[in-house]
Amino acid sequence: MKNLRITIAASQDLDEISDYFLAQSIDAGDRFVTVSTKNALT
């Protein structure tokens, strides 16, 4: 299992990307959050 460390700057970037997708489409924002969270935990 590989260790993944998300820096504060990366976390802020992910928040901005998530906000963008949510503004474009609730479904797209939801998919982005789901996939990025799943990938970070595996």
PDB file of N, CA and C in Angstrom:
ATOM      1  N   MET A   1       0.856  -1.167   0.000  1.00  0.00           N
ATOM      2  CA  MET A   1       0.000   0.000   0.000  1.00  0.00           C
ATOM      3  C   MET A   1       0.905   1.234   0.000  1.00  0.00           C
ATOM      4  N   LYS A   2       0.604   2.180  -0.865  1.00  0.00           N
ATOM      5  CA  LYS A   2       1.405   3.386  -0.914  1.00  0.00           C
ATOM      6  C   LYS A   2       0.816   4.462  -0.002  1.00  0.00           C
ATOM      7  N   ASN A   3       1.700   5.235   0.569  1.00  0.00           N
ATOM      8  CA  ASN A   3       1.273   6.340   1.417  1.00  0.00           C
ATOM      9  C   ASN A   3       1.072   7.580   0.556  1.00  0.00           C
ATOM     10  N   LEU A   4       0.008   8.262   0.782  1.00  0.00           N
ATOM     11  CA  LEU A   4      -0.293   9.475   0.042  1.00  0.00           C
ATOM     12  C   LEU A   4      -0.424  10.613   1.035  1.00  0.00           C
ATOM     13  N   ARG A   5       0.295  11.671   0.769  1.00  0.00           N
ATOM     14  CA  ARG A   5       0.225  12.838   1.641  1.00  0.00           C
ATOM     15  C   ARG A   5      -0.285  14.005   0.810  1.00  0.00           C
ATOM     16  N   ILE A   6      -1.348  14.610   1.251  1.00  0.00           N
ATOM     17  CA  ILE A   6      -1.919  15.762   0.561  1.00  0.00           C
ATOM     18  C   ILE A   6      -1.495  17.007   1.330  1.00  0.00           C
ATOM     19  N   THR A   7      -0.742  17.864   0.660  1.00  0.00           N
ATOM     20  CA  THR A   7      -0.269  19.096   1.294  1.00  0.00           C
ATOM     21  C   THR A   7      -1.414  20.091   1.425  1.00  0.00           C
ATOM     22  N   ILE A   8      -1.195  21.113   2.199  1.00  0.00           N
ATOM     23  CA  ILE A   8      -2.212  22.157   2.367  1.00  0.00           C
ATOM     24  C   ILE A   8      -2.507  22.819   1.024  1.00  0.00           C
ATOM     25  N   ALA A   9      -1.463  23.110   0.257  1.00  0.00           N
ATOM     26  CA  ALA A   9      -1.661  23.737  -1.056  1.00  0.00           C
ATOM     27  C   ALA A   9      -2.463  22.831  -1.987  1.00  0.00           C
ATOM     28  N   ALA A  10      -2.157  21.537  -1.977  1.00  0.00           N
ATOM     29  CA  ALA A  10      -2.895  20.595  -2.819  1.00  0.00           C
ATOM     30  C   ALA A  10      -4.348  20.507  -2.376  1.00  0.00           C
ATOM     31  N   SER A  11      -4.574  20.518  -1.089  1.00  0.00           N
ATOM     32  CA  SER A  11      -5.939  20.476  -0.563  1.00  0.00           C
ATOM     33  C   SER A  11      -6.733  21.708  -0.997  1.00  0.00           C
ATOM     34  N   GLN A  12      -6.080  22.854  -0.975  1.00  0.00           N
ATOM     35  CA  GLN A  12      -6.742  24.087  -1.412  1.00  0.00           C
ATOM     36  C   GLN A  12      -7.063  24.016  -2.900  1.00  0.00           C
ATOM     37  N   ASP A  13      -6.133  23.467  -3.699  1.00  0.00           N
ATOM     38  CA  ASP A  13      -6.382  23.299  -5.132  1.00  0.00           C
ATOM     39  C   ASP A  13      -7.567  22.370  -5.369  1.00  0.00           C
ATOM     40  N   LEU A  14      -7.620  21.273  -4.623  1.00  0.00           N
ATOM     41  CA  LEU A  14      -8.736  20.336  -4.767  1.00  0.00           C
ATOM     42  C   LEU A  14     -10.061  20.990  -4.395  1.00  0.00           C
ATOM     43  N   ASP A  15     -10.046  21.842  -3.376  1.00  0.00           N
ATOM     44  CA  ASP A  15     -11.262  22.573  -3.001  1.00  0.00           C
ATOM     45  C   ASP A  15     -11.715  23.487  -4.135  1.00  0.00           C
ATOM     46  N   GLU A  16     -10.766  24.177  -4.757  1.00  0.00           N
ATOM     47  CA  GLU A  16     -11.107  25.074  -5.862  1.00  0.00           C
ATOM     48  C   GLU A  16     -11.650  24.286  -7.057  1.00  0.00           C
ATOM     49  N   ILE A  17     -11.030  23.159  -7.365  1.00  0.00           N
ATOM     50  CA  ILE A  17     -11.513  22.316  -8.462  1.00  0.00           C
ATOM     51  C   ILE A  17     -12.914  21.806  -8.156  1.00  0.00           C
ATOM     52  N   SER A  18     -13.119  21.373  -6.935  1.00  0.00           N
ATOM     53  CA  SER A  18     -14.437  20.889  -6.517  1.00  0.00           C
ATOM     54  C   SER A  18     -15.487  21.990  -6.652  1.00  0.00           C
ATOM     55  N   ASP A  19     -15.155  23.193  -6.203  1.00  0.00           N
ATOM     56  CA  ASP A  19     -16.085  24.320  -6.318  1.00  0.00           C
ATOM     57  C   ASP A  19     -16.426  24.609  -7.775  1.00  0.00           C
ATOM     58  N   TYR A  20     -15.428  24.527  -8.649  1.00  0.00           N
ATOM     59  CA  TYR A  20     -15.661  24.756 -10.079  1.00  0.00           C
ATOM     60  C   TYR A  20     -16.657  23.729 -10.624  1.00  0.00           C
ATOM     61  N   PHE A  21     -16.391  22.448 -10.349  1.00  0.00           N
ATOM     62  CA  PHE A  21     -17.291  21.410 -10.846  1.00  0.00           C
ATOM     63  C   PHE A  21     -18.688  21.574 -10.267  1.00  0.00           C
ATOM     64  N   LEU A  22     -18.785  21.912  -8.989  1.00  0.00           N
ATOM     65  CA  LEU A  22     -20.105  22.095  -8.386  1.00  0.00           C
ATOM     66  C   LEU A  22     -20.859  23.261  -9.018  1.00  0.00           C
ATOM     67  N   ALA A  23     -20.143  24.309  -9.404  1.00  0.00           N
ATOM     68  CA  ALA A  23     -20.785  25.453 -10.058  1.00  0.00           C
ATOM     69  C   ALA A  23     -21.263  25.083 -11.463  1.00  0.00           C
ATOM     70  N   GLN A  24     -20.546  24.171 -12.121  1.00  0.00           N
ATOM     71  CA  GLN A  24     -20.914  23.750 -13.474  1.00  0.00           C
ATOM     72  C   GLN A  24     -22.053  22.734 -13.449  1.00  0.00           C
ATOM     73  N   SER A  25     -21.957  21.796 -12.523  1.00  0.00           N
ATOM     74  CA  SER A  25     -22.919  20.703 -12.462  1.00  0.00           C
ATOM     75  C   SER A  25     -22.804  20.013 -11.110  1.00  0.00           C
ATOM     76  N   ILE A  26     -23.920  19.904 -10.419  1.00  0.00           N
ATOM     77  CA  ILE A  26     -23.926  19.230  -9.120  1.00  0.00           C
ATOM     78  C   ILE A  26     -23.461  17.783  -9.276  1.00  0.00           C
ATOM     79  N   ASP A  27     -23.917  17.113 -10.334  1.00  0.00           N
ATOM     80  CA  ASP A  27     -23.516  15.714 -10.556  1.00  0.00           C
ATOM     81  C   ASP A  27     -22.012  15.601 -10.796  1.00  0.00           C
ATOM     82  N   ALA A  28     -21.462  16.504 -11.611  1.00  0.00           N
ATOM     83  CA  ALA A  28     -20.021  16.470 -11.889  1.00  0.00           C
ATOM     84  C   ALA A  28     -19.233  16.745 -10.615  1.00  0.00           C
ATOM     85  N   GLY A  29     -19.693  17.690  -9.815  1.00  0.00           N
ATOM     86  CA  GLY A  29     -19.026  17.984  -8.548  1.00  0.00           C
ATOM     87  C   GLY A  29     -19.063  16.808  -7.600  1.00  0.00           C
ATOM     88  N   ASP A  30     -20.203  16.157  -7.549  1.00  0.00           N
ATOM     89  CA  ASP A  30     -20.346  14.987  -6.683  1.00  0.00           C
ATOM     90  C   ASP A  30     -19.426  13.856  -7.135  1.00  0.00           C
ATOM     91  N   ARG A  31     -19.367  13.625  -8.448  1.00  0.00           N
ATOM     92  CA  ARG A  31     -18.475  12.577  -8.971  1.00  0.00           C
ATOM     93  C   ARG A  31     -17.012  12.900  -8.669  1.00  0.00           C
ATOM     94  N   PHE A  32     -16.622  14.160  -8.837  1.00  0.00           N
ATOM     95  CA  PHE A  32     -15.232  14.546  -8.566  1.00  0.00           C
ATOM     96  C   PHE A  32     -14.872  14.291  -7.110  1.00  0.00           C
ATOM     97  N   VAL A  33     -15.731  14.712  -6.200  1.00  0.00           N
ATOM     98  CA  VAL A  33     -15.471  14.520  -4.770  1.00  0.00           C
ATOM     99  C   VAL A  33     -15.409  13.034  -4.440  1.00  0.00           C
ATOM    100  N   THR A  34     -16.340  12.257  -4.975  1.00  0.00           N
ATOM    101  CA  THR A  34     -16.370  10.822  -4.702  1.00  0.00           C
ATOM    102  C   THR A  34     -15.100  10.141  -5.203  1.00  0.00           C
ATOM    103  N   VAL A  35     -14.717  10.404  -6.427  1.00  0.00           N
ATOM    104  CA  VAL A  35     -13.546   9.742  -7.018  1.00  0.00           C
ATOM    105  C   VAL A  35     -12.263  10.201  -6.337  1.00  0.00           C
ATOM    106  N   SER A  36     -12.114  11.501  -6.102  1.00  0.00           N
ATOM    107  CA  SER A  36     -10.877  11.983  -5.493  1.00  0.00           C
ATOM    108  C   SER A  36     -10.741  11.491  -4.059  1.00  0.00           C
ATOM    109  N   THR A  37     -11.831  11.401  -3.332  1.00  0.00           N
ATOM    110  CA  THR A  37     -11.784  10.886  -1.964  1.00  0.00           C
ATOM    111  C   THR A  37     -11.466   9.404  -1.974  1.00  0.00           C
ATOM    112  N   LYS A  38     -12.098   8.658  -2.870  1.00  0.00           N
ATOM    113  CA  LYS A  38     -11.833   7.224  -2.973  1.00  0.00           C
ATOM    114  C   LYS A  38     -10.368   6.970  -3.313  1.00  0.00           C
ATOM    115  N   ASN A  39      -9.841   7.716  -4.263  1.00  0.00           N
ATOM    116  CA  ASN A  39      -8.444   7.545  -4.678  1.00  0.00           C
ATOM    117  C   ASN A  39      -7.479   7.919  -3.546  1.00  0.00           C
ATOM    118  N   ALA A  40      -7.823   8.892  -2.754  1.00  0.00           N
ATOM    119  CA  ALA A  40      -6.940   9.320  -1.662  1.00  0.00           C
ATOM    120  C   ALA A  40      -6.909   8.287  -0.547  1.00  0.00           C
ATOM    121  N   LEU A  41      -7.983   7.526  -0.404  1.00  0.00           N
ATOM    122  CA  LEU A  41      -8.072   6.571   0.687  1.00  0.00           C
ATOM    123  C   LEU A  41      -7.550   5.190   0.312  1.00  0.00           C
ATOM    124  N   THR A  42      -7.320   4.943  -0.977  1.00  0.00           N
ATOM    125  CA  THR A  42      -6.832   3.611  -1.380  1.00  0.00           C
ATOM    126  C   THR A  42      -5.365   3.643  -1.715  1.00  0.00           C
TER     127      THR A  42
END
